[in-house]
Amino acid sequence: MLTDELTVSVDGHLKPTSAPALQALDVLWQTVRELPMDSLQMWAMKRLVGSRSTDELERRMNGDEVVDVTISLTDGSLAIVRVTYGDGLTCRQRVAVRYVPKAVKRERGRPERWAVTDRVSRVVVADWLLSESEAREWIRRKMQTATYQSGPAARRAAE
């Protein structure tokens, strides 16, 4: 079950609101259930955000960590329901800002050396890299891995 903070919104009906997962979904459900939509869409939205379970939402958020659902309203207009993780970043974006390449002070006569530092833990996670481009490649590979291993479990493991 999701425990992270979520940001929820409905175009024209609910401004982006952040709260712990179940609270955010309650706010979203209160808004969505008042919209004029057909019974099939209402059933689907209830299953997604009104069931007090985050299973279906987690399944749909896997990857981009964003769910956009377009609802056709009975008056002919559309409403877009959006659910994102609290910071609104994808796993790739989180990895990109988490790691930073850094030149390591070297002794005179020694070759240049680079490392990658984790901004969250402030620990060097990759050392003895020969160039800045090699350090950036290490970060790029981490970003690729995050794309394939995204979702709540992978995010918790990365923290």
Protein backbone atom coordinates (compact mmCIF):
# COMPACT_ATOMS: atom_id res chain seq x y z
CA MET A 1 0.00 0.00 0.00
CA LEU A 2 1.19 3.50 -0.85
CA THR A 3 2.25 5.52 2.14
CA ASP A 4 4.11 8.28 0.29
CA GLU A 5 2.66 11.72 -0.14
CA LEU A 6 0.63 12.17 -3.33
CA THR A 7 -0.35 15.27 -5.24
CA VAL A 8 -3.84 15.08 -6.75
CA SER A 9 -5.75 17.46 -9.02
CA VAL A 10 -8.72 17.66 -11.38
CA ASP A 11 -8.56 20.32 -14.11
CA GLY A 12 -11.05 23.04 -13.32
CA HIS A 13 -12.37 21.30 -10.21
CA LEU A 14 -9.50 20.66 -7.76
CA LYS A 15 -6.21 22.55 -7.57
CA PRO A 16 -3.09 20.42 -6.92
CA THR A 17 -3.33 19.17 -3.35
CA SER A 18 -0.60 17.22 -1.54
CA ALA A 19 -1.20 14.89 1.39
CA PRO A 20 -0.38 11.37 2.59
CA ALA A 21 -1.68 8.85 0.03
CA LEU A 22 -5.03 7.86 1.54
CA GLN A 23 -5.89 11.42 2.57
CA ALA A 24 -5.05 12.72 -0.91
CA LEU A 25 -7.17 10.02 -2.51
CA ASP A 26 -10.08 10.86 -0.19
CA VAL A 27 -9.91 14.50 -1.29
CA LEU A 28 -9.73 13.42 -4.91
CA TRP A 29 -12.64 10.99 -4.57
CA GLN A 30 -14.81 13.65 -2.92
CA THR A 31 -14.21 15.88 -5.96
CA VAL A 32 -14.50 13.21 -8.66
CA ARG A 33 -17.73 11.67 -7.40
CA GLU A 34 -19.48 15.06 -7.74
CA LEU A 35 -18.60 15.31 -11.45
CA PRO A 36 -21.35 14.55 -13.97
CA MET A 37 -20.15 11.32 -15.64
CA ASP A 38 -21.66 8.06 -16.78
CA SER A 39 -21.88 5.04 -14.48
CA LEU A 40 -19.03 3.13 -16.15
CA GLN A 41 -16.59 5.99 -15.63
CA MET A 42 -17.85 6.42 -12.07
CA TRP A 43 -17.21 2.72 -11.39
CA ALA A 44 -13.69 2.95 -12.87
CA MET A 45 -12.83 6.07 -10.85
CA LYS A 46 -14.20 4.52 -7.66
CA ARG A 47 -11.99 1.49 -8.24
CA LEU A 48 -8.96 3.70 -8.92
CA VAL A 49 -9.27 6.38 -6.22
CA GLY A 50 -12.35 5.72 -4.11
CA SER A 51 -11.79 2.20 -2.87
CA ARG A 52 -9.52 2.99 0.11
CA SER A 53 -6.94 0.71 -1.54
CA THR A 54 -3.96 1.90 -3.53
CA ASP A 55 -3.29 -1.36 -5.40
CA GLU A 56 -4.80 -0.31 -8.75
CA LEU A 57 -3.22 3.14 -8.52
CA GLU A 58 0.22 1.68 -7.76
CA ARG A 59 -0.07 -0.63 -10.75
CA ARG A 60 -0.95 2.28 -13.03
CA MET A 61 1.74 4.57 -11.60
CA ASN A 62 4.53 2.10 -12.30
CA GLY A 63 6.99 3.72 -14.68
CA ASP A 64 6.25 7.43 -14.97
CA GLU A 65 4.83 7.67 -11.46
CA VAL A 66 2.06 9.82 -12.87
CA VAL A 67 -1.49 8.80 -13.65
CA ASP A 68 -3.62 11.00 -15.89
CA VAL A 69 -7.20 9.91 -16.44
CA THR A 70 -9.42 11.82 -18.85
CA ILE A 71 -13.10 11.79 -17.92
CA SER A 72 -15.79 12.65 -20.46
CA LEU A 73 -18.43 14.63 -18.61
CA THR A 74 -22.09 14.41 -19.54
CA ASP A 75 -22.09 18.09 -20.60
CA GLY A 76 -19.57 17.23 -23.36
CA SER A 77 -16.51 18.67 -21.60
CA LEU A 78 -13.47 16.80 -20.34
CA ALA A 79 -11.81 16.70 -16.93
CA ILE A 80 -8.30 15.40 -16.41
CA VAL A 81 -7.63 13.68 -13.10
CA ARG A 82 -3.93 13.64 -12.20
CA VAL A 83 -2.16 11.74 -9.43
CA THR A 84 1.60 12.07 -8.92
CA TYR A 85 4.03 11.36 -6.15
CA GLY A 86 4.40 14.34 -3.83
CA ASP A 87 7.41 15.88 -5.52
CA GLY A 88 6.00 15.32 -8.99
CA LEU A 89 9.27 13.83 -10.26
CA THR A 90 9.69 10.54 -12.07
CA CYS A 91 12.22 7.99 -10.82
CA ARG A 92 14.58 9.05 -13.61
CA GLN A 93 14.35 12.69 -12.59
CA ARG A 94 14.88 11.80 -8.94
CA VAL A 95 18.05 9.87 -9.82
CA ALA A 96 19.28 12.70 -12.04
CA VAL A 97 19.14 15.21 -9.20
CA ARG A 98 20.28 12.79 -6.51
CA TYR A 99 23.76 12.03 -7.87
CA VAL A 100 26.44 14.59 -8.69
CA PRO A 101 29.84 14.08 -10.40
CA LYS A 102 32.70 15.59 -8.48
CA ALA A 103 36.39 16.03 -9.22
CA VAL A 104 38.55 14.42 -6.54
CA LYS A 105 41.53 16.40 -5.31
CA ARG A 106 44.59 14.71 -6.66
CA GLU A 107 48.19 14.63 -5.70
CA ARG A 108 50.66 16.33 -7.97
CA GLY A 109 51.65 14.11 -10.88
CA ARG A 110 48.68 11.77 -10.43
CA PRO A 111 46.00 11.40 -13.12
CA GLU A 112 42.69 13.19 -12.81
CA ARG A 113 40.05 11.29 -10.86
CA TRP A 114 36.29 11.67 -10.51
CA ALA A 115 33.66 10.35 -8.13
CA VAL A 116 29.89 10.37 -7.88
CA THR A 117 28.34 11.61 -4.66
CA ASP A 118 24.85 10.88 -3.36
CA ARG A 119 23.31 14.23 -2.35
CA VAL A 120 20.89 12.55 0.05
CA SER A 121 23.34 10.47 2.09
CA ARG A 122 26.40 12.60 1.20
CA VAL A 123 28.35 9.40 0.54
CA VAL A 124 30.61 8.70 -2.42
CA VAL A 125 28.85 5.94 -4.37
CA ALA A 126 31.29 5.56 -7.28
CA ASP A 127 35.00 6.27 -7.03
CA TRP A 128 38.09 6.11 -9.22
CA LEU A 129 36.33 7.24 -12.38
CA LEU A 130 38.75 8.59 -14.98
CA SER A 131 36.76 11.54 -16.30
CA GLU A 132 33.68 13.66 -15.75
CA SER A 133 32.03 11.97 -18.73
CA GLU A 134 32.59 8.56 -17.10
CA ALA A 135 30.96 9.87 -13.92
CA ARG A 136 28.00 11.21 -15.92
CA GLU A 137 27.72 7.85 -17.70
CA TRP A 138 27.50 6.14 -14.29
CA ILE A 139 24.59 8.45 -13.42
CA ARG A 140 22.95 7.82 -16.82
CA ARG A 141 23.07 4.05 -16.20
CA LYS A 142 21.45 4.58 -12.79
CA MET A 143 18.72 6.62 -14.50
CA GLN A 144 18.12 3.80 -17.00
CA THR A 145 17.86 1.29 -14.17
CA ALA A 146 15.38 3.56 -12.39
CA THR A 147 13.18 3.53 -15.50
CA TYR A 148 12.89 -0.25 -15.41
CA GLN A 149 12.74 -0.62 -11.65
CA SER A 150 10.43 2.26 -10.86
CA GLY A 151 7.44 2.07 -8.62
CA PRO A 152 7.01 2.34 -4.86
CA ALA A 153 9.19 -0.65 -3.91
CA ALA A 154 12.13 0.46 -6.04
CA ARG A 155 11.78 4.04 -4.79
CA ARG A 156 11.87 2.91 -1.16
CA ALA A 157 14.90 0.73 -1.90
CA ALA A 158 16.71 3.70 -3.47
CA GLU A 159 16.14 5.88 -0.40
